[in-house]
mmCIF file of all heavy atoms, coordinates in Angstrom:
data_MODEL
# 
_entry.id   MODEL 
# 
loop_
_atom_site.group_PDB 
_atom_site.id 
_atom_site.type_symbol 
_atom_site.label_atom_id 
_atom_site.label_alt_id 
_atom_site.label_comp_id 
_atom_site.label_asym_id 
_atom_site.label_entity_id 
_atom_site.label_seq_id 
_atom_site.pdbx_PDB_ins_code 
_atom_site.Cartn_x 
_atom_site.Cartn_y 
_atom_site.Cartn_z 
_atom_site.occupancy 
_atom_site.B_iso_or_equiv 
_atom_site.pdbx_formal_charge 
_atom_site.auth_seq_id 
_atom_site.auth_comp_id 
_atom_site.auth_asym_id 
_atom_site.auth_atom_id 
_atom_site.pdbx_PDB_model_num 
ATOM 1   N N   . LEU A 1 1  ? 0.832   -1.183 0.000  1.00 0.00 ? 1  LEU A N   1 
ATOM 2   C CA  . LEU A 1 1  ? 0.000   0.000  0.000  1.00 0.00 ? 1  LEU A CA  1 
ATOM 3   C C   . LEU A 1 1  ? 0.872   1.241  0.000  1.00 0.00 ? 1  LEU A C   1 
ATOM 4   O O   . LEU A 1 1  ? 1.914   1.279  0.657  1.00 0.00 ? 1  LEU A O   1 
ATOM 5   C CB  . LEU A 1 1  ? -0.914  0.026  1.223  1.00 0.00 ? 1  LEU A CB  1 
ATOM 6   C CG  . LEU A 1 1  ? -1.810  -1.198 1.432  1.00 0.00 ? 1  LEU A CG  1 
ATOM 7   C CD1 . LEU A 1 1  ? -2.705  -0.982 2.646  1.00 0.00 ? 1  LEU A CD1 1 
ATOM 8   C CD2 . LEU A 1 1  ? -2.640  -1.481 0.189  1.00 0.00 ? 1  LEU A CD2 1 
ATOM 9   N N   . SER A 1 2  ? 0.439   2.231  -0.738 1.00 0.00 ? 2  SER A N   1 
ATOM 10  C CA  . SER A 1 2  ? 1.151   3.496  -0.791 1.00 0.00 ? 2  SER A CA  1 
ATOM 11  C C   . SER A 1 2  ? 0.243   4.616  -0.338 1.00 0.00 ? 2  SER A C   1 
ATOM 12  O O   . SER A 1 2  ? -0.967  4.569  -0.530 1.00 0.00 ? 2  SER A O   1 
ATOM 13  C CB  . SER A 1 2  ? 1.644   3.791  -2.217 1.00 0.00 ? 2  SER A CB  1 
ATOM 14  O OG  . SER A 1 2  ? 2.539   2.803  -2.661 1.00 0.00 ? 2  SER A OG  1 
ATOM 15  N N   . CYS A 1 3  ? 0.825   5.610  0.245  1.00 0.00 ? 3  CYS A N   1 
ATOM 16  C CA  . CYS A 1 3  ? 0.086   6.776  0.698  1.00 0.00 ? 3  CYS A CA  1 
ATOM 17  C C   . CYS A 1 3  ? 0.856   8.017  0.288  1.00 0.00 ? 3  CYS A C   1 
ATOM 18  O O   . CYS A 1 3  ? 1.903   8.319  0.867  1.00 0.00 ? 3  CYS A O   1 
ATOM 19  C CB  . CYS A 1 3  ? -0.106  6.725  2.217  1.00 0.00 ? 3  CYS A CB  1 
ATOM 20  S SG  . CYS A 1 3  ? -0.939  8.161  2.915  1.00 0.00 ? 3  CYS A SG  1 
ATOM 21  N N   . ALA A 1 4  ? 0.342   8.693  -0.718 1.00 0.00 ? 4  ALA A N   1 
ATOM 22  C CA  . ALA A 1 4  ? 0.961   9.929  -1.172 1.00 0.00 ? 4  ALA A CA  1 
ATOM 23  C C   . ALA A 1 4  ? 0.578   11.048 -0.225 1.00 0.00 ? 4  ALA A C   1 
ATOM 24  O O   . ALA A 1 4  ? -0.603  11.287 0.010  1.00 0.00 ? 4  ALA A O   1 
ATOM 25  C CB  . ALA A 1 4  ? 0.518   10.252 -2.592 1.00 0.00 ? 4  ALA A CB  1 
ATOM 26  N N   . ALA A 1 5  ? 1.567   11.708 0.295  1.00 0.00 ? 5  ALA A N   1 
ATOM 27  C CA  . ALA A 1 5  ? 1.338   12.727 1.303  1.00 0.00 ? 5  ALA A CA  1 
ATOM 28  C C   . ALA A 1 5  ? 1.775   14.095 0.813  1.00 0.00 ? 5  ALA A C   1 
ATOM 29  O O   . ALA A 1 5  ? 2.762   14.232 0.089  1.00 0.00 ? 5  ALA A O   1 
ATOM 30  C CB  . ALA A 1 5  ? 2.086   12.381 2.584  1.00 0.00 ? 5  ALA A CB  1 
ATOM 31  N N   . SER A 1 6  ? 1.040   15.087 1.224  1.00 0.00 ? 6  SER A N   1 
ATOM 32  C CA  . SER A 1 6  ? 1.399   16.464 0.914  1.00 0.00 ? 6  SER A CA  1 
ATOM 33  C C   . SER A 1 6  ? 0.955   17.359 2.059  1.00 0.00 ? 6  SER A C   1 
ATOM 34  O O   . SER A 1 6  ? 0.075   17.006 2.840  1.00 0.00 ? 6  SER A O   1 
ATOM 35  C CB  . SER A 1 6  ? 0.750   16.927 -0.398 1.00 0.00 ? 6  SER A CB  1 
ATOM 36  O OG  . SER A 1 6  ? -0.669  16.911 -0.304 1.00 0.00 ? 6  SER A OG  1 
ATOM 37  N N   . GLY A 1 7  ? 1.578   18.503 2.152  1.00 0.00 ? 7  GLY A N   1 
ATOM 38  C CA  . GLY A 1 7  ? 1.183   19.463 3.157  1.00 0.00 ? 7  GLY A CA  1 
ATOM 39  C C   . GLY A 1 7  ? 1.859   19.309 4.506  1.00 0.00 ? 7  GLY A C   1 
ATOM 40  O O   . GLY A 1 7  ? 1.439   19.940 5.472  1.00 0.00 ? 7  GLY A O   1 
ATOM 41  N N   . PHE A 1 8  ? 2.872   18.496 4.559  1.00 0.00 ? 8  PHE A N   1 
ATOM 42  C CA  . PHE A 1 8  ? 3.596   18.343 5.807  1.00 0.00 ? 8  PHE A CA  1 
ATOM 43  C C   . PHE A 1 8  ? 5.007   17.871 5.535  1.00 0.00 ? 8  PHE A C   1 
ATOM 44  O O   . PHE A 1 8  ? 5.326   17.383 4.450  1.00 0.00 ? 8  PHE A O   1 
ATOM 45  C CB  . PHE A 1 8  ? 2.880   17.370 6.754  1.00 0.00 ? 8  PHE A CB  1 
ATOM 46  C CG  . PHE A 1 8  ? 3.087   15.927 6.411  1.00 0.00 ? 8  PHE A CG  1 
ATOM 47  C CD1 . PHE A 1 8  ? 3.968   15.145 7.153  1.00 0.00 ? 8  PHE A CD1 1 
ATOM 48  C CD2 . PHE A 1 8  ? 2.406   15.336 5.364  1.00 0.00 ? 8  PHE A CD2 1 
ATOM 49  C CE1 . PHE A 1 8  ? 4.157   13.806 6.850  1.00 0.00 ? 8  PHE A CE1 1 
ATOM 50  C CE2 . PHE A 1 8  ? 2.590   14.002 5.040  1.00 0.00 ? 8  PHE A CE2 1 
ATOM 51  C CZ  . PHE A 1 8  ? 3.469   13.237 5.793  1.00 0.00 ? 8  PHE A CZ  1 
ATOM 52  N N   . SER A 1 9  ? 5.818   18.000 6.524  1.00 0.00 ? 9  SER A N   1 
ATOM 53  C CA  . SER A 1 9  ? 7.176   17.502 6.456  1.00 0.00 ? 9  SER A CA  1 
ATOM 54  C C   . SER A 1 9  ? 7.272   16.200 7.223  1.00 0.00 ? 9  SER A C   1 
ATOM 55  O O   . SER A 1 9  ? 6.640   16.034 8.263  1.00 0.00 ? 9  SER A O   1 
ATOM 56  C CB  . SER A 1 9  ? 8.161   18.529 7.044  1.00 0.00 ? 9  SER A CB  1 
ATOM 57  O OG  . SER A 1 9  ? 9.459   17.989 7.160  1.00 0.00 ? 9  SER A OG  1 
ATOM 58  N N   . PHE A 1 10 ? 8.040   15.278 6.705  1.00 0.00 ? 10 PHE A N   1 
ATOM 59  C CA  . PHE A 1 10 ? 8.217   14.015 7.399  1.00 0.00 ? 10 PHE A CA  1 
ATOM 60  C C   . PHE A 1 10 ? 9.004   14.173 8.689  1.00 0.00 ? 10 PHE A C   1 
ATOM 61  O O   . PHE A 1 10 ? 8.981   13.291 9.547  1.00 0.00 ? 10 PHE A O   1 
ATOM 62  C CB  . PHE A 1 10 ? 8.920   13.008 6.486  1.00 0.00 ? 10 PHE A CB  1 
ATOM 63  C CG  . PHE A 1 10 ? 8.001   12.352 5.509  1.00 0.00 ? 10 PHE A CG  1 
ATOM 64  C CD1 . PHE A 1 10 ? 7.698   12.968 4.303  1.00 0.00 ? 10 PHE A CD1 1 
ATOM 65  C CD2 . PHE A 1 10 ? 7.435   11.123 5.782  1.00 0.00 ? 10 PHE A CD2 1 
ATOM 66  C CE1 . PHE A 1 10 ? 6.843   12.367 3.392  1.00 0.00 ? 10 PHE A CE1 1 
ATOM 67  C CE2 . PHE A 1 10 ? 6.579   10.512 4.878  1.00 0.00 ? 10 PHE A CE2 1 
ATOM 68  C CZ  . PHE A 1 10 ? 6.286   11.144 3.680  1.00 0.00 ? 10 PHE A CZ  1 
ATOM 69  N N   . ASP A 1 11 ? 9.681   15.273 8.818  1.00 0.00 ? 11 ASP A N   1 
ATOM 70  C CA  . ASP A 1 11 ? 10.451  15.519 10.024 1.00 0.00 ? 11 ASP A CA  1 
ATOM 71  C C   . ASP A 1 11 ? 9.535   15.963 11.155 1.00 0.00 ? 11 ASP A C   1 
ATOM 72  O O   . ASP A 1 11 ? 8.782   16.926 11.023 1.00 0.00 ? 11 ASP A O   1 
ATOM 73  C CB  . ASP A 1 11 ? 11.522  16.579 9.763  1.00 0.00 ? 11 ASP A CB  1 
ATOM 74  C CG  . ASP A 1 11 ? 12.410  16.828 10.962 1.00 0.00 ? 11 ASP A CG  1 
ATOM 75  O OD1 . ASP A 1 11 ? 12.723  15.874 11.688 1.00 0.00 ? 11 ASP A OD1 1 
ATOM 76  O OD2 . ASP A 1 11 ? 12.793  18.003 11.169 1.00 0.00 ? 11 ASP A OD2 1 
ATOM 77  N N   . GLY A 1 12 ? 9.602   15.269 12.262 1.00 0.00 ? 12 GLY A N   1 
ATOM 78  C CA  . GLY A 1 12 ? 8.857   15.657 13.439 1.00 0.00 ? 12 GLY A CA  1 
ATOM 79  C C   . GLY A 1 12 ? 7.431   15.140 13.515 1.00 0.00 ? 12 GLY A C   1 
ATOM 80  O O   . GLY A 1 12 ? 6.673   15.538 14.399 1.00 0.00 ? 12 GLY A O   1 
ATOM 81  N N   . TYR A 1 13 ? 7.057   14.259 12.610 1.00 0.00 ? 13 TYR A N   1 
ATOM 82  C CA  . TYR A 1 13 ? 5.708   13.709 12.588 1.00 0.00 ? 13 TYR A CA  1 
ATOM 83  C C   . TYR A 1 13 ? 5.718   12.215 12.886 1.00 0.00 ? 13 TYR A C   1 
ATOM 84  O O   . TYR A 1 13 ? 6.757   11.563 12.861 1.00 0.00 ? 13 TYR A O   1 
ATOM 85  C CB  . TYR A 1 13 ? 5.063   13.931 11.222 1.00 0.00 ? 13 TYR A CB  1 
ATOM 86  C CG  . TYR A 1 13 ? 4.630   15.349 10.946 1.00 0.00 ? 13 TYR A CG  1 
ATOM 87  C CD1 . TYR A 1 13 ? 5.548   16.304 10.531 1.00 0.00 ? 13 TYR A CD1 1 
ATOM 88  C CD2 . TYR A 1 13 ? 3.297   15.734 11.087 1.00 0.00 ? 13 TYR A CD2 1 
ATOM 89  C CE1 . TYR A 1 13 ? 5.156   17.604 10.271 1.00 0.00 ? 13 TYR A CE1 1 
ATOM 90  C CE2 . TYR A 1 13 ? 2.890   17.036 10.817 1.00 0.00 ? 13 TYR A CE2 1 
ATOM 91  C CZ  . TYR A 1 13 ? 3.825   17.961 10.410 1.00 0.00 ? 13 TYR A CZ  1 
ATOM 92  O OH  . TYR A 1 13 ? 3.422   19.250 10.145 1.00 0.00 ? 13 TYR A OH  1 
ATOM 93  N N   . SER A 1 14 ? 4.526   11.715 13.140 1.00 0.00 ? 14 SER A N   1 
ATOM 94  C CA  . SER A 1 14 ? 4.312   10.280 13.257 1.00 0.00 ? 14 SER A CA  1 
ATOM 95  C C   . SER A 1 14 ? 3.385   9.839  12.143 1.00 0.00 ? 14 SER A C   1 
ATOM 96  O O   . SER A 1 14 ? 2.458   10.552 11.776 1.00 0.00 ? 14 SER A O   1 
ATOM 97  C CB  . SER A 1 14 ? 3.705   9.919  14.611 1.00 0.00 ? 14 SER A CB  1 
ATOM 98  O OG  . SER A 1 14 ? 4.596   10.209 15.667 1.00 0.00 ? 14 SER A OG  1 
ATOM 99  N N   . ILE A 1 15 ? 3.640   8.674  11.601 1.00 0.00 ? 15 ILE A N   1 
ATOM 100 C CA  . ILE A 1 15 ? 2.797   8.120  10.559 1.00 0.00 ? 15 ILE A CA  1 
ATOM 101 C C   . ILE A 1 15 ? 2.222   6.796  11.045 1.00 0.00 ? 15 ILE A C   1 
ATOM 102 O O   . ILE A 1 15 ? 2.803   6.122  11.896 1.00 0.00 ? 15 ILE A O   1 
ATOM 103 C CB  . ILE A 1 15 ? 3.563   7.912  9.239  1.00 0.00 ? 15 ILE A CB  1 
ATOM 104 C CG1 . ILE A 1 15 ? 4.773   6.985  9.456  1.00 0.00 ? 15 ILE A CG1 1 
ATOM 105 C CG2 . ILE A 1 15 ? 4.013   9.257  8.679  1.00 0.00 ? 15 ILE A CG2 1 
ATOM 106 C CD1 . ILE A 1 15 ? 5.498   6.600  8.170  1.00 0.00 ? 15 ILE A CD1 1 
ATOM 107 N N   . GLY A 1 16 ? 1.089   6.437  10.474 1.00 0.00 ? 16 GLY A N   1 
ATOM 108 C CA  . GLY A 1 16 ? 0.471   5.199  10.905 1.00 0.00 ? 16 GLY A CA  1 
ATOM 109 C C   . GLY A 1 16 ? -0.430  4.610  9.847  1.00 0.00 ? 16 GLY A C   1 
ATOM 110 O O   . GLY A 1 16 ? -0.865  5.296  8.916  1.00 0.00 ? 16 GLY A O   1 
ATOM 111 N N   . TRP A 1 17 ? -0.678  3.336  9.982  1.00 0.00 ? 17 TRP A N   1 
ATOM 112 C CA  . TRP A 1 17 ? -1.641  2.621  9.177  1.00 0.00 ? 17 TRP A CA  1 
ATOM 113 C C   . TRP A 1 17 ? -2.665  1.981  10.100 1.00 0.00 ? 17 TRP A C   1 
ATOM 114 O O   . TRP A 1 17 ? -2.304  1.358  11.104 1.00 0.00 ? 17 TRP A O   1 
ATOM 115 C CB  . TRP A 1 17 ? -0.975  1.542  8.319  1.00 0.00 ? 17 TRP A CB  1 
ATOM 116 C CG  . TRP A 1 17 ? -0.220  2.073  7.139  1.00 0.00 ? 17 TRP A CG  1 
ATOM 117 C CD1 . TRP A 1 17 ? 1.102   2.353  7.056  1.00 0.00 ? 17 TRP A CD1 1 
ATOM 118 C CD2 . TRP A 1 17 ? -0.777  2.372  5.846  1.00 0.00 ? 17 TRP A CD2 1 
ATOM 119 N NE1 . TRP A 1 17 ? 1.423   2.809  5.802  1.00 0.00 ? 17 TRP A NE1 1 
ATOM 120 C CE2 . TRP A 1 17 ? 0.286   2.829  5.038  1.00 0.00 ? 17 TRP A CE2 1 
ATOM 121 C CE3 . TRP A 1 17 ? -2.063  2.296  5.306  1.00 0.00 ? 17 TRP A CE3 1 
ATOM 122 C CZ2 . TRP A 1 17 ? 0.103   3.214  3.709  1.00 0.00 ? 17 TRP A CZ2 1 
ATOM 123 C CZ3 . TRP A 1 17 ? -2.243  2.679  3.981  1.00 0.00 ? 17 TRP A CZ3 1 
ATOM 124 C CH2 . TRP A 1 17 ? -1.172  3.128  3.198  1.00 0.00 ? 17 TRP A CH2 1 
ATOM 125 N N   . PHE A 1 18 ? -3.916  2.139  9.744  1.00 0.00 ? 18 PHE A N   1 
ATOM 126 C CA  . PHE A 1 18 ? -5.023  1.573  10.494 1.00 0.00 ? 18 PHE A CA  1 
ATOM 127 C C   . PHE A 1 18 ? -5.939  0.842  9.530  1.00 0.00 ? 18 PHE A C   1 
ATOM 128 O O   . PHE A 1 18 ? -5.898  1.082  8.326  1.00 0.00 ? 18 PHE A O   1 
ATOM 129 C CB  . PHE A 1 18 ? -5.790  2.673  11.237 1.00 0.00 ? 18 PHE A CB  1 
ATOM 130 C CG  . PHE A 1 18 ? -4.952  3.443  12.221 1.00 0.00 ? 18 PHE A CG  1 
ATOM 131 C CD1 . PHE A 1 18 ? -4.121  4.466  11.805 1.00 0.00 ? 18 PHE A CD1 1 
ATOM 132 C CD2 . PHE A 1 18 ? -4.992  3.133  13.573 1.00 0.00 ? 18 PHE A CD2 1 
ATOM 133 C CE1 . PHE A 1 18 ? -3.345  5.173  12.702 1.00 0.00 ? 18 PHE A CE1 1 
ATOM 134 C CE2 . PHE A 1 18 ? -4.220  3.839  14.495 1.00 0.00 ? 18 PHE A CE2 1 
ATOM 135 C CZ  . PHE A 1 18 ? -3.394  4.854  14.055 1.00 0.00 ? 18 PHE A CZ  1 
ATOM 136 N N   . ARG A 1 19 ? -6.753  -0.024 10.059 1.00 0.00 ? 19 ARG A N   1 
ATOM 137 C CA  . ARG A 1 19 ? -7.682  -0.737 9.200  1.00 0.00 ? 19 ARG A CA  1 
ATOM 138 C C   . ARG A 1 19 ? -9.008  -0.929 9.918  1.00 0.00 ? 19 ARG A C   1 
ATOM 139 O O   . ARG A 1 19 ? -9.077  -0.931 11.141 1.00 0.00 ? 19 ARG A O   1 
ATOM 140 C CB  . ARG A 1 19 ? -7.116  -2.095 8.761  1.00 0.00 ? 19 ARG A CB  1 
ATOM 141 C CG  . ARG A 1 19 ? -6.934  -3.098 9.892  1.00 0.00 ? 19 ARG A CG  1 
ATOM 142 C CD  . ARG A 1 19 ? -6.197  -4.331 9.394  1.00 0.00 ? 19 ARG A CD  1 
ATOM 143 N NE  . ARG A 1 19 ? -6.033  -5.333 10.433 1.00 0.00 ? 19 ARG A NE  1 
ATOM 144 C CZ  . ARG A 1 19 ? -5.292  -6.429 10.308 1.00 0.00 ? 19 ARG A CZ  1 
ATOM 145 N NH1 . ARG A 1 19 ? -4.643  -6.665 9.164  1.00 0.00 ? 19 ARG A NH1 1 
ATOM 146 N NH2 . ARG A 1 19 ? -5.203  -7.295 11.319 1.00 0.00 ? 19 ARG A NH2 1 
ATOM 147 N N   . GLN A 1 20 ? -10.047 -1.108 9.117  1.00 0.00 ? 20 GLN A N   1 
ATOM 148 C CA  . GLN A 1 20 ? -11.373 -1.299 9.668  1.00 0.00 ? 20 GLN A CA  1 
ATOM 149 C C   . GLN A 1 20 ? -12.172 -2.232 8.770  1.00 0.00 ? 20 GLN A C   1 
ATOM 150 O O   . GLN A 1 20 ? -12.282 -2.006 7.568  1.00 0.00 ? 20 GLN A O   1 
ATOM 151 C CB  . GLN A 1 20 ? -12.098 0.035  9.816  1.00 0.00 ? 20 GLN A CB  1 
ATOM 152 C CG  . GLN A 1 20 ? -13.442 -0.065 10.511 1.00 0.00 ? 20 GLN A CG  1 
ATOM 153 C CD  . GLN A 1 20 ? -14.018 1.297  10.850 1.00 0.00 ? 20 GLN A CD  1 
ATOM 154 O OE1 . GLN A 1 20 ? -13.651 2.308  10.259 1.00 0.00 ? 20 GLN A OE1 1 
ATOM 155 N NE2 . GLN A 1 20 ? -14.918 1.321  11.824 1.00 0.00 ? 20 GLN A NE2 1 
ATOM 156 N N   . ALA A 1 21 ? -12.707 -3.262 9.361  1.00 0.00 ? 21 ALA A N   1 
ATOM 157 C CA  . ALA A 1 21 ? -13.581 -4.185 8.660  1.00 0.00 ? 21 ALA A CA  1 
ATOM 158 C C   . ALA A 1 21 ? -15.029 -3.815 8.959  1.00 0.00 ? 21 ALA A C   1 
ATOM 159 O O   . ALA A 1 21 ? -15.322 -3.233 10.008 1.00 0.00 ? 21 ALA A O   1 
ATOM 160 C CB  . ALA A 1 21 ? -13.302 -5.623 9.091  1.00 0.00 ? 21 ALA A CB  1 
ATOM 161 N N   . PRO A 1 22 ? -15.960 -4.138 8.053  1.00 0.00 ? 22 PRO A N   1 
ATOM 162 C CA  . PRO A 1 22 ? -17.370 -3.831 8.294  1.00 0.00 ? 22 PRO A CA  1 
ATOM 163 C C   . PRO A 1 22 ? -17.849 -4.409 9.616  1.00 0.00 ? 22 PRO A C   1 
ATOM 164 O O   . PRO A 1 22 ? -17.621 -5.581 9.915  1.00 0.00 ? 22 PRO A O   1 
ATOM 165 C CB  . PRO A 1 22 ? -18.080 -4.481 7.107  1.00 0.00 ? 22 PRO A CB  1 
ATOM 166 C CG  . PRO A 1 22 ? -17.045 -4.492 6.022  1.00 0.00 ? 22 PRO A CG  1 
ATOM 167 C CD  . PRO A 1 22 ? -15.754 -4.769 6.741  1.00 0.00 ? 22 PRO A CD  1 
ATOM 168 N N   . GLY A 1 23 ? -18.503 -3.577 10.399 1.00 0.00 ? 23 GLY A N   1 
ATOM 169 C CA  . GLY A 1 23 ? -19.023 -4.026 11.669 1.00 0.00 ? 23 GLY A CA  1 
ATOM 170 C C   . GLY A 1 23 ? -18.004 -4.109 12.779 1.00 0.00 ? 23 GLY A C   1 
ATOM 171 O O   . GLY A 1 23 ? -18.349 -4.508 13.897 1.00 0.00 ? 23 GLY A O   1 
ATOM 172 N N   . LYS A 1 24 ? -16.784 -3.750 12.490 1.00 0.00 ? 24 LYS A N   1 
ATOM 173 C CA  . LYS A 1 24 ? -15.735 -3.799 13.492 1.00 0.00 ? 24 LYS A CA  1 
ATOM 174 C C   . LYS A 1 24 ? -15.137 -2.418 13.693 1.00 0.00 ? 24 LYS A C   1 
ATOM 175 O O   . LYS A 1 24 ? -15.223 -1.552 12.827 1.00 0.00 ? 24 LYS A O   1 
ATOM 176 C CB  . LYS A 1 24 ? -14.637 -4.783 13.090 1.00 0.00 ? 24 LYS A CB  1 
ATOM 177 C CG  . LYS A 1 24 ? -15.110 -6.224 12.958 1.00 0.00 ? 24 LYS A CG  1 
ATOM 178 C CD  . LYS A 1 24 ? -13.964 -7.143 12.596 1.00 0.00 ? 24 LYS A CD  1 
ATOM 179 C CE  . LYS A 1 24 ? -14.422 -8.581 12.471 1.00 0.00 ? 24 LYS A CE  1 
ATOM 180 N NZ  . LYS A 1 24 ? -13.290 -9.478 12.107 1.00 0.00 ? 24 LYS A NZ  1 
ATOM 181 N N   . GLU A 1 25 ? -14.541 -2.235 14.833 1.00 0.00 ? 25 GLU A N   1 
ATOM 182 C CA  . GLU A 1 25 ? -13.910 -0.960 15.122 1.00 0.00 ? 25 GLU A CA  1 
ATOM 183 C C   . GLU A 1 25 ? -12.549 -0.867 14.448 1.00 0.00 ? 25 GLU A C   1 
ATOM 184 O O   . GLU A 1 25 ? -11.895 -1.864 14.159 1.00 0.00 ? 25 GLU A O   1 
ATOM 185 C CB  . GLU A 1 25 ? -13.767 -0.770 16.631 1.00 0.00 ? 25 GLU A CB  1 
ATOM 186 C CG  . GLU A 1 25 ? -15.083 -0.659 17.378 1.00 0.00 ? 25 GLU A CG  1 
ATOM 187 C CD  . GLU A 1 25 ? -14.908 -0.241 18.814 1.00 0.00 ? 25 GLU A CD  1 
ATOM 188 O OE1 . GLU A 1 25 ? -13.828 0.277  19.167 1.00 0.00 ? 25 GLU A OE1 1 
ATOM 189 O OE2 . GLU A 1 25 ? -15.851 -0.417 19.594 1.00 0.00 ? 25 GLU A OE2 1 
ATOM 190 N N   . ARG A 1 26 ? -12.158 0.347  14.208 1.00 0.00 ? 26 ARG A N   1 
ATOM 191 C CA  . ARG A 1 26 ? -10.852 0.603  13.627 1.00 0.00 ? 26 ARG A CA  1 
ATOM 192 C C   . ARG A 1 26 ? -9.754  0.096  14.549 1.00 0.00 ? 26 ARG A C   1 
ATOM 193 O O   . ARG A 1 26 ? -9.830  0.248  15.777 1.00 0.00 ? 26 ARG A O   1 
ATOM 194 C CB  . ARG A 1 26 ? -10.687 2.106  13.392 1.00 0.00 ? 26 ARG A CB  1 
ATOM 195 C CG  . ARG A 1 26 ? -9.334  2.529  12.833 1.00 0.00 ? 26 ARG A CG  1 
ATOM 196 C CD  . ARG A 1 26 ? -9.259  4.040  12.758 1.00 0.00 ? 26 ARG A CD  1 
ATOM 197 N NE  . ARG A 1 26 ? -9.444  4.642  14.075 1.00 0.00 ? 26 ARG A NE  1 
ATOM 198 C CZ  . ARG A 1 26 ? -9.605  5.939  14.285 1.00 0.00 ? 26 ARG A CZ  1 
ATOM 199 N NH1 . ARG A 1 26 ? -9.620  6.783  13.263 1.00 0.00 ? 26 ARG A NH1 1 
ATOM 200 N NH2 . ARG A 1 26 ? -9.768  6.404  15.514 1.00 0.00 ? 26 ARG A NH2 1 
ATOM 201 N N   . GLU A 1 27 ? -8.753  -0.510 13.970 1.00 0.00 ? 27 GLU A N   1 
ATOM 202 C CA  . GLU A 1 27 ? -7.638  -0.996 14.753 1.00 0.00 ? 27 GLU A CA  1 
ATOM 203 C C   . GLU A 1 27 ? -6.324  -0.513 14.166 1.00 0.00 ? 27 GLU A C   1 
ATOM 204 O O   . GLU A 1 27 ? -6.179  -0.364 12.953 1.00 0.00 ? 27 GLU A O   1 
ATOM 205 C CB  . GLU A 1 27 ? -7.646  -2.525 14.831 1.00 0.00 ? 27 GLU A CB  1 
ATOM 206 C CG  . GLU A 1 27 ? -7.446  -3.222 13.495 1.00 0.00 ? 27 GLU A CG  1 
ATOM 207 C CD  . GLU A 1 27 ? -7.322  -4.722 13.628 1.00 0.00 ? 27 GLU A CD  1 
ATOM 208 O OE1 . GLU A 1 27 ? -6.975  -5.210 14.728 1.00 0.00 ? 27 GLU A OE1 1 
ATOM 209 O OE2 . GLU A 1 27 ? -7.570  -5.434 12.628 1.00 0.00 ? 27 GLU A OE2 1 
# 
């Protein structure tokens, strides 16, 4: 999976991946 990012600098930030299945909470 790729995530094209704009509007921020990679320095000083945190990045994350989350997922959610139907009927389930985001994890």
